[in-house]
Amino acid sequence: MAATLIQQPRYVDAVDERWDENAHFIAAARGTVPRLVAEIRRLRQQLEVTSPTNGQEAK
C-alpha cells in the first residue's frame, strides 16, 4: 500500500507505518510513470514500423 501521512488527524492509515518510504515512492512515481508510459509508446511505435504485420495481431 502506498499511502503517506499528510494531515493531522490522520485520514489515511497504513499498517506498515512506513510513512517516509511510501512518500518517497509516491514522489518518485510522479516522474517515473510518465517516462514508463512514453517508453511503452515508443516501443509500440517501433513494433509497428518493424513488424511484418504492421503492428496488427496475426490471425
C-alpha atoms as a PDB file:
ATOM      1  CA  MET A   1       0.000   0.000   0.000  1.00  0.00           C
ATOM      2  CA  ALA A   2       1.327   3.441  -0.850  1.00  0.00           C
ATOM      3  CA  ALA A   3      -0.170   6.000   1.486  1.00  0.00           C
ATOM      4  CA  THR A   4       1.505   8.738   3.400  1.00  0.00           C
ATOM      5  CA  LEU A   5       0.641  10.851   6.396  1.00  0.00           C
ATOM      6  CA  ILE A   6      -0.218  14.310   5.107  1.00  0.00           C
ATOM      7  CA  GLN A   7      -2.734  15.571   7.610  1.00  0.00           C
ATOM      8  CA  GLN A   8      -3.436  15.580  11.315  1.00  0.00           C
ATOM      9  CA  PRO A   9      -5.613  13.908  12.391  1.00  0.00           C
ATOM     10  CA  ARG A  10      -4.793  11.023  10.089  1.00  0.00           C
ATOM     11  CA  TYR A  11      -7.379  10.202   7.480  1.00  0.00           C
ATOM     12  CA  VAL A  12      -5.301   7.504   5.798  1.00  0.00           C
ATOM     13  CA  ASP A  13      -3.501   4.880   7.780  1.00  0.00           C
ATOM     14  CA  ALA A  14      -1.111   2.135   6.745  1.00  0.00           C
ATOM     15  CA  VAL A  15      -0.486  -0.908   8.867  1.00  0.00           C
ATOM     16  CA  ASP A  16       3.216  -0.965   7.984  1.00  0.00           C
ATOM     17  CA  GLU A  17       3.780   2.611   9.274  1.00  0.00           C
ATOM     18  CA  ARG A  18       6.370   3.175   6.534  1.00  0.00           C
ATOM     19  CA  TRP A  19       5.371   6.803   6.009  1.00  0.00           C
ATOM     20  CA  ASP A  20       8.720   8.023   4.677  1.00  0.00           C
ATOM     21  CA  GLU A  21       9.180   5.093   2.289  1.00  0.00           C
ATOM     22  CA  ASN A  22       5.631   5.500   0.986  1.00  0.00           C
ATOM     23  CA  ALA A  23       6.137   9.238   0.494  1.00  0.00           C
ATOM     24  CA  HIS A  24       9.351   8.611  -1.473  1.00  0.00           C
ATOM     25  CA  PHE A  25       7.576   6.020  -3.633  1.00  0.00           C
ATOM     26  CA  ILE A  26       4.719   8.405  -4.410  1.00  0.00           C
ATOM     27  CA  ALA A  27       7.103  11.260  -5.208  1.00  0.00           C
ATOM     28  CA  ALA A  28       9.227   9.064  -7.486  1.00  0.00           C
ATOM     29  CA  ALA A  29       6.169   7.656  -9.269  1.00  0.00           C
ATOM     30  CA  ARG A  30       5.116  11.127 -10.380  1.00  0.00           C
ATOM     31  CA  GLY A  31       8.188  11.298 -12.599  1.00  0.00           C
ATOM     32  CA  THR A  32       8.752   7.626 -13.323  1.00  0.00           C
ATOM     33  CA  VAL A  33       5.285   6.620 -14.520  1.00  0.00           C
ATOM     34  CA  PRO A  34       5.149   9.207 -17.350  1.00  0.00           C
ATOM     35  CA  ARG A  35       8.602   8.056 -18.525  1.00  0.00           C
ATOM     36  CA  LEU A  36       7.461   4.428 -18.490  1.00  0.00           C
ATOM     37  CA  VAL A  37       4.337   5.297 -20.485  1.00  0.00           C
ATOM     38  CA  ALA A  38       6.459   7.209 -23.009  1.00  0.00           C
ATOM     39  CA  GLU A  39       8.781   4.208 -23.354  1.00  0.00           C
ATOM     40  CA  ILE A  40       5.838   1.861 -23.945  1.00  0.00           C
ATOM     41  CA  ARG A  41       4.510   4.181 -26.643  1.00  0.00           C
ATOM     42  CA  ARG A  42       7.953   4.380 -28.252  1.00  0.00           C
ATOM     43  CA  LEU A  43       8.317   0.607 -28.275  1.00  0.00           C
ATOM     44  CA  ARG A  44       4.822   0.116 -29.700  1.00  0.00           C
ATOM     45  CA  GLN A  45       5.619   2.569 -32.479  1.00  0.00           C
ATOM     46  CA  GLN A  46       8.874   0.740 -33.169  1.00  0.00           C
ATOM     47  CA  LEU A  47       6.951  -2.549 -33.384  1.00  0.00           C
ATOM     48  CA  GLU A  48       4.527  -1.021 -35.873  1.00  0.00           C
ATOM     49  CA  VAL A  49       7.414   0.056 -38.097  1.00  0.00           C
ATOM     50  CA  THR A  50       9.429  -3.169 -37.902  1.00  0.00           C
ATOM     51  CA  SER A  51       6.692  -5.802 -37.608  1.00  0.00           C
ATOM     52  CA  PRO A  52       5.792  -7.744 -40.767  1.00  0.00           C
ATOM     53  CA  THR A  53       2.123  -7.489 -39.716  1.00  0.00           C
ATOM     54  CA  ASN A  54       2.492  -3.712 -39.389  1.00  0.00           C
ATOM     55  CA  GLY A  55       1.580  -3.767 -35.702  1.00  0.00           C
ATOM     56  CA  GLN A  56      -1.582  -5.814 -36.217  1.00  0.00           C
ATOM     57  CA  GLU A  57      -2.126  -9.116 -34.467  1.00  0.00           C
ATOM     58  CA  ALA A  58      -1.580 -12.115 -36.702  1.00  0.00           C
ATOM     59  CA  LYS A  59      -4.746 -14.084 -37.435  1.00  0.00           C
END
